[in-house]
């Protein structure tokens, strides 16, 4: 595979790198021990529905709450 762009990038003061002309807003980053960094574009989307598994977990949590099977109250007054 031949490179479509070839340029030098550097870290800014906040240790960030800017990608010139990036086609995507989000990338999955994988860093390897040999110094290679792999960027895979990601397109985030809003899920259409809540999964059946998530709904079942929520139902189980509410059942436990109604039974009184819940963790003790956390005191957040210090914050």
C-alpha atoms as a PDB file:
ATOM      1  CA  UNK A   1       0.000   0.000   0.000  1.00  0.00           C
ATOM      2  CA  UNK A   2       1.338   3.407  -0.925  1.00  0.00           C
ATOM      3  CA  UNK A   3       1.080   6.450   1.367  1.00  0.00           C
ATOM      4  CA  UNK A   4      -1.326   9.198   0.271  1.00  0.00           C
ATOM      5  CA  UNK A   5       0.235  11.791   2.608  1.00  0.00           C
ATOM      6  CA  UNK A   6       3.738  12.139   4.018  1.00  0.00           C
ATOM      7  CA  UNK A   7       4.509  14.876   6.533  1.00  0.00           C
ATOM      8  CA  UNK A   8       6.224  15.501   9.863  1.00  0.00           C
ATOM      9  CA  UNK A   9       3.966  15.953  12.888  1.00  0.00           C
ATOM     10  CA  UNK A  10       5.046  17.142  16.331  1.00  0.00           C
ATOM     11  CA  UNK A  11       3.545  17.243  19.813  1.00  0.00           C
ATOM     12  CA  UNK A  12       2.219  20.587  21.028  1.00  0.00           C
ATOM     13  CA  UNK A  13       2.590  21.823  24.606  1.00  0.00           C
ATOM     14  CA  UNK A  14      -0.344  19.640  25.707  1.00  0.00           C
ATOM     15  CA  UNK A  15       1.180  16.525  24.073  1.00  0.00           C
ATOM     16  CA  UNK A  16      -1.295  16.481  21.162  1.00  0.00           C
ATOM     17  CA  UNK A  17      -0.743  15.777  17.481  1.00  0.00           C
ATOM     18  CA  UNK A  18      -2.836  17.414  14.768  1.00  0.00           C
ATOM     19  CA  UNK A  19      -3.817  15.372  11.729  1.00  0.00           C
ATOM     20  CA  UNK A  20      -3.893  17.521   8.612  1.00  0.00           C
ATOM     21  CA  UNK A  21      -7.019  17.161   6.499  1.00  0.00           C
ATOM     22  CA  UNK A  22      -8.423  14.358   8.649  1.00  0.00           C
ATOM     23  CA  UNK A  23     -11.470  12.772   7.062  1.00  0.00           C
ATOM     24  CA  UNK A  24     -13.007  11.585  10.344  1.00  0.00           C
ATOM     25  CA  UNK A  25     -13.621  13.233  13.704  1.00  0.00           C
ATOM     26  CA  UNK A  26     -12.902  10.113  15.803  1.00  0.00           C
ATOM     27  CA  UNK A  27     -10.122   7.545  15.542  1.00  0.00           C
ATOM     28  CA  UNK A  28      -9.340   4.385  17.478  1.00  0.00           C
ATOM     29  CA  UNK A  29      -5.652   4.542  18.439  1.00  0.00           C
ATOM     30  CA  UNK A  30      -3.421   1.501  18.961  1.00  0.00           C
ATOM     31  CA  UNK A  31       0.138   2.022  20.160  1.00  0.00           C
ATOM     32  CA  UNK A  32       2.650  -0.802  19.803  1.00  0.00           C
ATOM     33  CA  UNK A  33       5.853  -1.441  21.725  1.00  0.00           C
ATOM     34  CA  UNK A  34       7.971  -0.931  18.618  1.00  0.00           C
ATOM     35  CA  UNK A  35       6.790   2.706  18.307  1.00  0.00           C
ATOM     36  CA  UNK A  36       4.152   2.151  15.626  1.00  0.00           C
ATOM     37  CA  UNK A  37       0.810   3.899  16.049  1.00  0.00           C
ATOM     38  CA  UNK A  38      -2.250   2.688  14.162  1.00  0.00           C
ATOM     39  CA  UNK A  39      -5.232   5.007  13.660  1.00  0.00           C
ATOM     40  CA  UNK A  40      -8.530   3.459  12.595  1.00  0.00           C
ATOM     41  CA  UNK A  41     -11.383   5.836  11.735  1.00  0.00           C
ATOM     42  CA  UNK A  42     -14.556   5.533  13.788  1.00  0.00           C
ATOM     43  CA  UNK A  43     -17.953   6.951  13.010  1.00  0.00           C
ATOM     44  CA  UNK A  44     -20.011   7.286  16.176  1.00  0.00           C
ATOM     45  CA  UNK A  45     -23.733   6.810  15.818  1.00  0.00           C
ATOM     46  CA  UNK A  46     -26.688   7.031  18.145  1.00  0.00           C
ATOM     47  CA  UNK A  47     -28.161   3.590  18.787  1.00  0.00           C
ATOM     48  CA  UNK A  48     -31.727   3.216  17.607  1.00  0.00           C
ATOM     49  CA  UNK A  49     -32.871   1.116  20.566  1.00  0.00           C
ATOM     50  CA  UNK A  50     -31.719   0.088  23.992  1.00  0.00           C
ATOM     51  CA  UNK A  51     -30.574  -3.528  23.799  1.00  0.00           C
ATOM     52  CA  UNK A  52     -32.640  -6.293  25.382  1.00  0.00           C
ATOM     53  CA  UNK A  53     -29.714  -7.130  27.647  1.00  0.00           C
ATOM     54  CA  UNK A  54     -29.526  -3.568  28.973  1.00  0.00           C
ATOM     55  CA  UNK A  55     -33.283  -3.473  29.578  1.00  0.00           C
ATOM     56  CA  UNK A  56     -33.078  -6.780  31.475  1.00  0.00           C
ATOM     57  CA  UNK A  57     -30.246  -5.389  33.630  1.00  0.00           C
ATOM     58  CA  UNK A  58     -32.292  -2.282  34.386  1.00  0.00           C
ATOM     59  CA  UNK A  59     -35.334  -4.383  35.338  1.00  0.00           C
ATOM     60  CA  UNK A  60     -33.182  -6.528  37.640  1.00  0.00           C
ATOM     61  CA  UNK A  61     -31.703  -3.402  39.275  1.00  0.00           C
ATOM     62  CA  UNK A  62     -35.178  -1.958  39.955  1.00  0.00           C
ATOM     63  CA  UNK A  63     -36.376  -5.288  41.397  1.00  0.00           C
ATOM     64  CA  UNK A  64     -33.376  -5.360  43.744  1.00  0.00           C
ATOM     65  CA  UNK A  65     -33.998  -1.741  44.746  1.00  0.00           C
ATOM     66  CA  UNK A  66     -37.655  -2.443  45.561  1.00  0.00           C
ATOM     67  CA  UNK A  67     -36.610  -5.461  47.675  1.00  0.00           C
ATOM     68  CA  UNK A  68     -34.222  -3.199  49.591  1.00  0.00           C
ATOM     69  CA  UNK A  69     -31.198  -5.042  48.220  1.00  0.00           C
ATOM     70  CA  UNK A  70     -29.100  -1.957  47.574  1.00  0.00           C
ATOM     71  CA  UNK A  71     -25.787  -0.562  48.697  1.00  0.00           C
ATOM     72  CA  UNK A  72     -25.717   1.730  51.746  1.00  0.00           C
ATOM     73  CA  UNK A  73     -26.221   5.453  51.243  1.00  0.00           C
ATOM     74  CA  UNK A  74     -23.039   7.293  50.284  1.00  0.00           C
ATOM     75  CA  UNK A  75     -22.354  10.518  52.163  1.00  0.00           C
ATOM     76  CA  UNK A  76     -21.363  13.161  49.587  1.00  0.00           C
ATOM     77  CA  UNK A  77     -21.539  16.132  51.970  1.00  0.00           C
ATOM     78  CA  UNK A  78     -17.729  16.498  51.909  1.00  0.00           C
ATOM     79  CA  UNK A  79     -17.861  17.312  48.218  1.00  0.00           C
END
